[in-house]
Protein backbone atom coordinates (compact mmCIF):
# COMPACT_ATOMS: atom_id res chain seq x y z
CA MET A 1 26.79 40.49 70.11
CA PRO A 2 29.15 37.50 69.15
CA TYR A 3 32.62 38.68 67.64
CA LYS A 4 31.85 36.88 64.37
CA ASP A 5 28.62 39.01 63.90
CA GLU A 6 30.32 42.18 64.93
CA GLN A 7 29.86 44.96 62.63
CA LEU A 8 31.93 48.00 62.14
CA SER A 9 29.59 51.30 63.16
CA GLU A 10 30.37 52.52 59.60
CA GLU A 11 31.45 50.53 56.59
CA LYS A 12 35.21 51.12 55.48
CA VAL A 13 36.08 51.51 51.97
CA PHE A 14 39.55 51.25 50.43
CA LYS A 15 39.91 52.93 47.12
CA ASP A 16 41.33 50.57 44.53
CA PRO A 17 42.26 51.17 40.51
CA VAL A 18 40.97 47.36 39.68
CA HIS A 19 37.65 47.23 41.47
CA ARG A 20 36.78 50.87 42.12
CA TYR A 21 35.90 50.44 46.00
CA ILE A 22 36.99 47.67 48.21
CA HIS A 23 34.21 47.51 51.08
CA VAL A 24 34.64 46.24 54.67
CA LYS A 25 31.68 46.14 57.30
CA ASP A 26 32.96 42.93 59.18
CA GLN A 27 34.83 43.79 62.41
CA VAL A 28 37.03 40.78 62.30
CA VAL A 29 38.00 41.51 58.76
CA TRP A 30 38.98 45.03 59.81
CA ASP A 31 41.18 43.87 62.35
CA LEU A 32 42.95 41.39 60.59
CA ILE A 33 43.88 44.10 58.01
CA GLY A 34 45.53 45.69 60.88
CA THR A 35 47.62 43.08 62.34
CA PRO A 36 51.55 43.50 61.52
CA GLU A 37 51.31 39.85 59.76
CA PHE A 38 49.01 41.67 57.08
CA GLN A 39 50.63 45.04 57.00
CA ARG A 40 53.99 43.11 55.89
CA LEU A 41 52.51 42.24 52.66
CA ARG A 42 52.63 45.92 51.95
CA ARG A 43 56.57 45.08 51.67
CA ILE A 44 56.13 42.11 49.40
CA LYS A 45 55.73 42.67 45.76
CA GLN A 46 53.13 40.75 43.86
CA LEU A 47 54.92 40.41 40.80
CA GLY A 48 58.56 39.85 42.45
CA THR A 49 61.37 41.01 40.12
CA SER A 50 58.88 42.05 37.22
CA TYR A 51 59.58 45.81 38.17
CA LEU A 52 62.87 45.30 36.59
CA THR A 53 60.87 44.80 33.14
CA PHE A 54 57.62 46.77 33.84
CA HIS A 55 58.23 49.66 35.87
CA GLY A 56 55.01 50.31 37.02
CA ALA A 57 54.67 46.59 38.64
CA GLU A 58 55.34 48.14 42.28
CA HIS A 59 52.19 46.69 43.42
CA SER A 60 52.18 44.49 46.67
CA ARG A 61 50.65 41.23 48.08
CA PHE A 62 48.70 43.77 50.24
CA ASN A 63 46.86 45.25 47.26
CA HIS A 64 46.04 41.73 45.78
CA SER A 65 44.98 40.29 48.98
CA LEU A 66 42.67 43.02 49.37
CA GLY A 67 41.50 42.30 45.88
CA VAL A 68 40.65 38.97 46.13
CA TYR A 69 38.71 39.51 49.60
CA GLU A 70 36.43 41.88 47.41
CA ILE A 71 35.88 39.68 44.73
CA VAL A 72 34.86 36.83 47.06
CA ARG A 73 32.77 39.30 48.89
CA ARG A 74 30.88 40.11 45.64
CA ILE A 75 30.23 36.31 44.84
CA ILE A 76 28.71 35.44 47.81
CA TYR A 77 26.29 38.31 47.95
CA ASN A 78 25.36 36.98 44.57
CA PHE A 79 25.06 33.47 46.07
CA ASP A 80 22.90 34.49 49.03
CA GLY A 81 19.62 32.51 48.95
CA ARG A 82 20.65 30.27 46.20
CA PRO A 83 20.19 26.60 46.69
CA HIS A 84 23.74 24.99 47.66
CA TRP A 85 25.00 28.08 49.37
CA ASN A 86 25.52 27.86 53.10
CA THR A 87 25.48 31.53 54.51
CA ASP A 88 27.17 30.38 57.60
CA GLU A 89 30.22 29.94 55.19
CA ARG A 90 30.19 33.61 54.50
CA LEU A 91 32.76 35.03 57.05
CA LEU A 92 35.18 31.82 56.72
CA CYS A 93 35.33 32.57 52.86
CA LEU A 94 35.99 36.25 53.50
CA CYS A 95 38.80 35.66 56.04
CA ALA A 96 40.47 32.75 53.82
CA ALA A 97 40.43 35.12 50.81
CA LEU A 98 42.02 37.89 52.89
CA LEU A 99 44.77 35.77 54.32
CA HIS A 100 45.12 33.41 51.32
CA ASP A 101 48.85 34.78 50.43
CA LEU A 102 49.90 35.57 54.08
CA GLY A 103 53.01 33.25 53.99
CA HIS A 104 54.58 34.74 51.05
CA GLY A 105 58.32 35.62 51.62
CA PRO A 106 60.60 38.48 49.65
CA PHE A 107 60.49 37.82 45.67
CA SER A 108 58.54 34.59 46.86
CA HIS A 109 58.96 31.81 44.20
CA SER A 110 62.88 32.54 43.70
CA PHE A 111 63.21 32.56 47.65
CA GLU A 112 61.19 29.40 48.25
CA LYS A 113 63.07 27.42 45.54
CA VAL A 114 66.86 28.26 47.00
CA PHE A 115 65.39 27.51 50.62
CA LYS A 116 63.17 24.66 49.89
CA LEU A 117 60.53 26.76 51.82
CA ASP A 118 56.58 26.62 50.85
CA HIS A 119 54.38 29.94 51.09
CA GLU A 120 51.18 27.60 51.92
CA ASP A 121 52.96 26.17 54.73
CA PHE A 122 53.93 29.34 56.30
CA THR A 123 50.49 30.94 55.60
CA LYS A 124 49.20 27.77 57.73
CA LYS A 125 51.70 28.47 60.16
CA ILE A 126 50.89 32.02 60.61
CA ILE A 127 47.41 31.37 60.94
CA LEU A 128 47.73 28.47 63.75
CA GLY A 129 50.95 30.07 65.21
CA ASP A 130 51.47 32.68 68.16
CA THR A 131 50.34 35.74 66.06
CA HIS A 132 48.02 38.68 65.98
CA VAL A 133 45.99 36.97 63.31
CA ASN A 134 45.55 33.75 65.03
CA GLN A 135 44.45 35.80 68.01
CA ILE A 136 41.77 37.32 66.09
CA LEU A 137 40.40 34.20 64.26
CA SER A 138 40.35 32.47 67.46
CA ARG A 139 37.77 35.23 68.91
CA VAL A 140 35.39 34.01 66.44
CA SER A 141 35.53 30.66 67.57
CA ASP A 142 37.81 28.02 69.08
CA ASN A 143 38.38 26.04 65.67
CA PHE A 144 37.87 29.11 62.96
CA ALA A 145 41.43 29.46 62.71
CA GLN A 146 41.92 26.00 61.77
CA ASN A 147 39.19 26.30 59.33
CA VAL A 148 40.34 29.21 57.57
CA ALA A 149 43.95 27.34 57.40
CA ASP A 150 42.03 24.47 56.01
CA VAL A 151 40.35 26.48 53.33
CA ILE A 152 43.68 27.74 52.05
CA ASN A 153 45.15 24.41 52.31
CA LYS A 154 42.57 22.94 50.38
CA THR A 155 41.36 20.35 52.71
CA TYR A 156 38.34 22.01 53.98
CA GLN A 157 35.33 19.50 53.84
CA ASP A 158 33.20 22.34 52.03
CA LYS A 159 34.72 22.16 48.60
CA LEU A 160 32.21 24.65 47.08
CA VAL A 161 33.96 27.12 49.47
CA VAL A 162 37.94 26.17 48.72
CA SER A 163 36.75 26.38 45.09
CA LEU A 164 36.15 30.49 45.69
CA ILE A 165 39.98 30.62 45.86
CA SER A 166 41.25 27.65 44.38
CA SER A 167 39.85 26.44 41.22
CA GLN A 168 40.47 27.27 37.39
CA ILE A 169 38.19 30.27 37.86
CA ASP A 170 38.63 31.52 41.15
CA ALA A 171 39.02 34.96 43.09
CA ASP A 172 42.69 34.84 43.29
CA ARG A 173 43.17 34.57 39.77
CA MET A 174 40.57 36.83 38.64
CA ASP A 175 42.30 39.45 40.82
CA TYR A 176 46.05 39.11 39.93
CA LEU A 177 45.21 38.77 36.14
CA GLN A 178 43.62 42.54 36.09
CA ARG A 179 45.95 44.01 38.97
CA ASP A 180 48.57 42.66 37.19
CA ALA A 181 47.69 44.03 33.46
CA TYR A 182 46.63 47.38 35.11
CA PHE A 183 50.08 47.69 36.66
CA THR A 184 52.55 46.43 33.78
CA GLY A 185 50.42 48.62 31.64
CA VAL A 186 49.20 45.80 29.23
CA SER A 187 45.92 45.10 27.53
CA TYR A 188 46.00 41.19 27.99
CA GLY A 189 44.93 40.61 31.36
CA HIS A 190 41.42 42.41 30.82
CA PHE A 191 38.10 40.38 30.82
CA ASP A 192 34.41 41.00 31.74
CA MET A 193 34.72 39.83 35.42
CA GLU A 194 31.43 41.54 36.17
CA ARG A 195 29.77 39.25 33.57
CA ILE A 196 31.36 36.39 35.02
CA LEU A 197 30.37 37.02 38.74
CA ARG A 198 26.62 37.46 37.41
CA VAL A 199 26.57 34.01 35.85
CA MET A 200 28.53 32.05 38.68
CA ARG A 201 26.17 29.58 40.35
CA PRO A 202 26.92 27.33 43.55
CA ILE A 203 26.13 23.72 42.75
CA GLU A 204 27.17 21.23 45.54
CA ASP A 205 30.84 21.30 46.03
CA GLN A 206 31.99 23.34 42.88
CA VAL A 207 31.17 27.08 41.33
CA VAL A 208 29.67 26.28 37.80
CA ILE A 209 28.72 28.99 35.18
CA LYS A 210 25.77 29.67 33.03
CA GLU A 211 26.29 28.57 29.56
CA THR A 212 25.31 32.33 28.86
CA GLY A 213 28.24 33.51 30.29
CA MET A 214 30.49 31.14 28.23
CA HIS A 215 32.33 33.84 25.77
CA ALA A 216 32.99 35.62 29.14
CA VAL A 217 34.98 32.82 30.72
CA GLU A 218 36.92 32.20 27.35
CA ASP A 219 38.14 35.72 27.46
CA TYR A 220 39.17 35.08 30.95
CA ILE A 221 41.35 31.82 29.80
CA MET A 222 42.73 33.58 26.83
CA SER A 223 43.64 36.62 29.23
CA ARG A 224 45.32 34.17 31.60
CA TYR A 225 47.42 32.59 28.82
CA GLN A 226 48.46 36.01 27.16
CA MET A 227 49.60 37.17 30.58
CA TYR A 228 51.67 33.97 31.52
CA TRP A 229 53.70 34.35 28.08
CA GLN A 230 53.85 38.31 27.72
CA VAL A 231 54.44 39.39 31.79
CA TYR A 232 55.02 36.54 34.09
CA PHE A 233 57.61 34.57 31.79
CA HIS A 234 58.95 37.72 30.25
CA PRO A 235 62.48 36.78 29.66
CA VAL A 236 64.01 39.93 31.27
CA THR A 237 62.17 39.36 34.38
CA ARG A 238 63.62 35.65 34.13
CA SER A 239 67.04 37.12 33.91
CA ALA A 240 66.57 38.90 37.17
CA GLU A 241 65.05 35.98 38.82
CA VAL A 242 68.10 33.87 37.67
CA ILE A 243 70.63 36.70 39.29
CA LEU A 244 68.37 36.71 42.39
CA SER A 245 68.67 33.17 43.02
CA LYS A 246 72.30 32.86 42.23
CA ILE A 247 73.04 35.63 44.97
CA LEU A 248 70.73 33.51 47.40
CA HIS A 249 72.67 30.57 46.61
CA ARG A 250 76.34 32.32 46.76
CA VAL A 251 75.59 33.72 50.28
CA LYS A 252 74.27 30.33 51.54
CA HIS A 253 77.60 28.78 50.06
CA LEU A 254 79.78 31.33 51.55
CA TYR A 255 78.33 30.74 54.98
CA GLU A 256 78.66 27.10 54.59
CA GLN A 257 82.38 27.80 53.91
CA ASN A 258 82.98 29.97 57.06
CA TYR A 259 83.15 33.12 54.69
CA LYS A 260 83.59 36.15 56.95
CA PHE A 261 81.01 38.69 55.87
CA ARG A 262 81.48 42.49 56.09
CA LEU A 263 77.65 42.37 56.95
CA LYS A 264 76.76 39.20 58.59
CA PRO A 265 73.47 37.54 57.03
CA THR A 266 71.66 37.58 60.39
CA HIS A 267 68.02 37.51 58.83
CA PHE A 268 69.24 34.80 56.64
CA LEU A 269 70.79 32.36 59.29
CA SER A 270 67.83 30.20 60.13
CA LEU A 271 66.91 29.49 56.53
CA PHE A 272 70.55 28.45 56.13
CA LEU A 273 70.18 26.15 58.90
CA GLY A 274 66.86 25.13 57.62
CA ASN A 275 64.95 25.71 61.11
CA ALA A 276 63.30 29.11 60.34
CA THR A 277 60.56 29.77 62.98
CA VAL A 278 57.48 32.06 62.21
CA LYS A 279 59.04 34.78 63.91
CA ASP A 280 62.23 34.62 61.67
CA TYR A 281 60.21 34.52 58.56
CA LEU A 282 57.94 37.59 59.31
CA ARG A 283 61.11 39.58 59.96
CA LEU A 284 62.16 39.00 56.21
CA ASP A 285 60.39 41.27 53.48
CA GLU A 286 62.04 42.77 50.43
CA PRO A 287 63.40 45.99 51.87
CA VAL A 288 65.29 44.10 54.34
CA VAL A 289 66.67 41.36 51.40
CA LEU A 290 67.38 44.82 49.06
CA TYR A 291 69.65 46.28 52.07
CA TYR A 292 71.63 43.38 52.23
CA PHE A 293 72.25 43.42 48.41
CA GLN A 294 73.46 46.95 48.75
CA MET A 295 75.80 46.03 51.41
CA TRP A 296 77.12 43.16 49.75
CA MET A 297 78.17 44.79 46.67
CA ASP A 298 81.01 45.87 49.04
CA GLU A 299 81.89 42.23 49.90
CA GLN A 300 85.19 40.95 48.93
CA ASP A 301 83.57 37.94 47.25
CA GLU A 302 83.87 39.07 43.59
CA ILE A 303 81.09 36.84 42.57
CA LEU A 304 78.49 38.17 45.45
CA SER A 305 79.72 41.77 44.85
CA ASP A 306 79.15 41.20 40.86
CA LEU A 307 75.61 39.46 41.45
CA CYS A 308 74.29 41.96 43.80
CA GLU A 309 75.42 45.17 41.74
CA ARG A 310 74.12 43.56 38.65
CA PHE A 311 70.45 42.83 40.43
CA SER A 312 70.67 46.40 42.36
CA ASN A 313 71.33 48.31 39.15
CA ARG A 314 69.40 46.20 36.43
CA HIS A 315 72.58 45.02 34.94
CA LEU A 316 70.97 41.74 33.87
CA PHE A 317 71.89 38.82 32.03
CA LYS A 318 71.55 38.50 28.31
CA TYR A 319 69.64 35.37 26.87
CA ILE A 320 69.30 33.18 23.85
CA GLU A 321 66.84 30.42 22.92
CA PHE A 322 68.36 27.51 24.08
CA ASN A 323 67.09 24.01 25.11
CA PRO A 324 69.66 21.95 27.06
CA ASN A 325 67.97 18.43 26.52
CA GLN A 326 68.24 18.61 22.63
CA GLN A 327 71.87 20.80 22.96
CA MET A 328 73.65 19.03 25.37
CA LYS A 329 76.76 19.08 23.25
CA GLU A 330 76.75 22.52 23.01
CA TRP A 331 75.94 23.17 26.63
CA MET A 332 78.87 20.76 27.91
CA GLU A 333 81.22 22.76 25.58
CA LEU A 334 80.02 26.15 26.87
CA TYR A 335 80.52 25.09 30.30
CA SER A 336 84.11 23.66 29.99
CA LEU A 337 84.74 26.98 27.79
CA PHE A 338 83.54 29.32 30.76
CA LYS A 339 85.62 27.42 33.37
CA ALA A 340 88.82 27.86 30.82
CA VAL A 341 88.14 31.46 30.55
CA GLY A 342 87.87 32.14 34.46
CA ILE A 343 84.05 32.60 34.50
CA ASN A 344 82.36 30.36 37.00
CA PRO A 345 79.48 28.66 34.98
CA GLU A 346 77.80 27.66 38.35
CA TYR A 347 76.64 31.48 38.49
CA TYR A 348 77.20 32.64 35.17
CA LEU A 349 75.74 30.04 32.85
CA VAL A 350 71.98 29.33 33.57
CA ASP A 351 69.60 27.47 31.74
CA ASP A 352 66.17 28.44 32.58
CA SER A 353 62.50 27.01 31.47
CA SER A 354 59.11 28.07 31.88
CA SER A 355 56.24 25.92 31.22
CA ASP A 356 52.33 26.85 31.41
CA LEU A 357 49.12 24.73 31.09
CA PRO A 358 46.23 27.37 30.26
CA TYR A 359 43.35 25.16 30.94
CA ASP A 360 43.04 21.51 31.61
CA PHE A 361 40.45 18.97 31.73
CA TYR A 362 39.90 16.69 34.61
CA ARG A 363 42.24 13.93 35.60
CA PRO A 364 41.56 11.54 38.29
CA GLY A 365 43.71 12.61 41.43
CA GLU A 366 44.16 16.33 40.36
CA GLU A 367 43.88 18.82 43.05
CA GLU A 368 40.80 21.28 43.27
CA GLU A 369 42.50 24.10 41.32
CA ARG A 370 42.89 21.71 38.10
CA LEU A 371 39.15 20.72 38.22
CA PRO A 372 37.52 21.54 35.07
CA ILE A 373 35.21 24.80 34.50
CA HIS A 374 31.69 23.40 33.96
CA LEU A 375 28.89 25.12 32.14
CA LEU A 376 25.29 24.98 33.43
CA MET A 377 23.14 24.15 30.29
CA PRO A 378 20.09 25.86 29.86
CA LYS A 379 16.61 23.97 30.53
CA SER A 380 18.27 20.65 30.93
CA ASN A 381 20.51 22.01 34.19
CA GLU A 382 23.26 19.49 32.66
CA LEU A 383 26.82 20.09 33.37
CA ARG A 384 29.04 20.28 30.49
CA GLU A 385 33.06 20.47 30.82
CA LEU A 386 34.08 23.95 29.23
CA SER A 387 36.01 22.40 26.38
CA ARG A 388 33.45 20.40 25.00
CA GLN A 389 31.43 23.34 24.56
CA SER A 390 33.94 26.01 23.40
CA ASP A 391 36.22 25.60 20.15
CA ILE A 392 38.51 28.04 21.48
CA VAL A 393 39.23 26.34 24.82
CA GLU A 394 39.14 23.17 23.48
CA SER A 395 42.27 24.27 21.05
CA ILE A 396 44.68 24.80 24.03
CA SER A 397 43.27 22.43 26.73
CA GLY A 398 45.78 20.12 28.11
CA LYS A 399 48.42 21.66 26.03
CA LYS A 400 51.59 22.40 27.93
CA ARG A 401 53.85 24.82 26.33
CA THR A 402 57.43 25.19 27.47
CA ASP A 403 60.06 28.03 26.82
CA HIS A 404 63.84 27.56 27.29
CA LYS A 405 66.50 30.09 27.63
CA LEU A 406 70.09 30.21 28.49
CA TYR A 407 71.28 33.00 30.48
CA PHE A 408 74.93 34.30 30.85
CA PRO A 409 76.77 37.89 31.44
CA GLN A 410 77.62 39.05 27.44
CA ASP A 411 79.74 41.98 29.15
CA PHE A 412 81.99 39.49 30.46
CA ILE A 413 82.61 37.71 27.28
CA GLU A 414 83.06 40.80 25.31
CA ALA A 415 85.76 41.84 27.83
CA LEU A 416 87.86 38.47 27.13
CA PRO A 417 90.97 38.45 25.20
CA GLU A 418 90.85 37.54 21.64
CA ASP A 419 91.66 33.76 21.81
CA ASN A 420 90.23 30.68 20.27
CA ASN A 421 88.12 30.13 23.37
CA LYS A 422 86.35 33.58 22.90
CA LYS A 423 85.68 32.72 19.45
CA ARG A 424 84.20 29.54 20.10
CA ILE A 425 81.93 30.76 23.03
CA PHE A 426 80.81 33.49 20.28
CA GLU A 427 80.05 30.86 17.77
CA ILE A 428 77.89 29.25 19.90
CA LEU A 429 76.14 31.80 21.16
CA PHE A 430 75.43 33.86 18.88
CA ASP A 431 75.85 31.96 15.22
């Protein structure tokens, strides 16, 4: 029996708090789950620093990846035998779903910004490189690993396959919204996924939704909207991300200045130099990074020591509503005042903005994940874009919301001697 068709002698199941059970029958999928590269995802939190805001948010990329796999498994089970669906793509869909987040690093998005990395690029490198994952995929066929990488990279020829994990209503989003809601303890991310799966239909190069399922999709869109503003962009989480980012910037700066670390940042050296290999990258996970933060609390550099203490012990920055684009005069004055009182504004005065577009209609040149959701109308089989049928979705369609915050160490400011500088800082920040 070819490896791609090889089945386990007995189906394996994972108990899951979101989907109840995750079913694995394919030997290829089971072998991929057991690789060191996939097991590493147990040591990467799905929500980065959100555990400092929502204490239950300790779930991992491993949990999420299995969840996306399970949703895709259910979708293609429902697609079996329908027009436009190629059953030969079944295993490719399952493997791409399972491995779609393989290249995420520790505290991934903050990490990527500082070191100018791209987790999708590393996902591709892991899949195509000298790895256990590549060895397993290559046993399916000579081009199977490349096909999996292409699906994740959104360059695969069959756009229907790509849309299952990269679209405005895909398995990736359907899992993380529900999973993140469950582990953070909020109610916003819940929607009727089973209903959506039942009304999904494959049509040429996209998945469409039967018109009878429109209200379930509306619920999904609003769940996404609420989760972004109540969880993903929570200002306390962003405060932790700001400090995390400043720690990494400080370490990189000190290294470039030939600072003598008590604990040499060995795992970071290739990132500082911009030549990190797949092997270097895979050695990094969140326990490793947090160990360095613990050790750097004892460094002689006061900024690095203080920032690591703040992150490790949840001694976070305070924040106010502040838009530097509209308050440039106050921003420049604060910057000068911080320098005057001996607080380094590069690390302790940080403006941060977050923005989201919960749903968008089609714009020429957009990537697949921005292609609109189409409803399949009864009788006529006409396709209509979601916001043309739904007043709820139309009200938020194409509307980008942005939130600005200014982060600073209030304890440092309160400890300043009473003088005009301190008085003026308080006036700008708190009046």
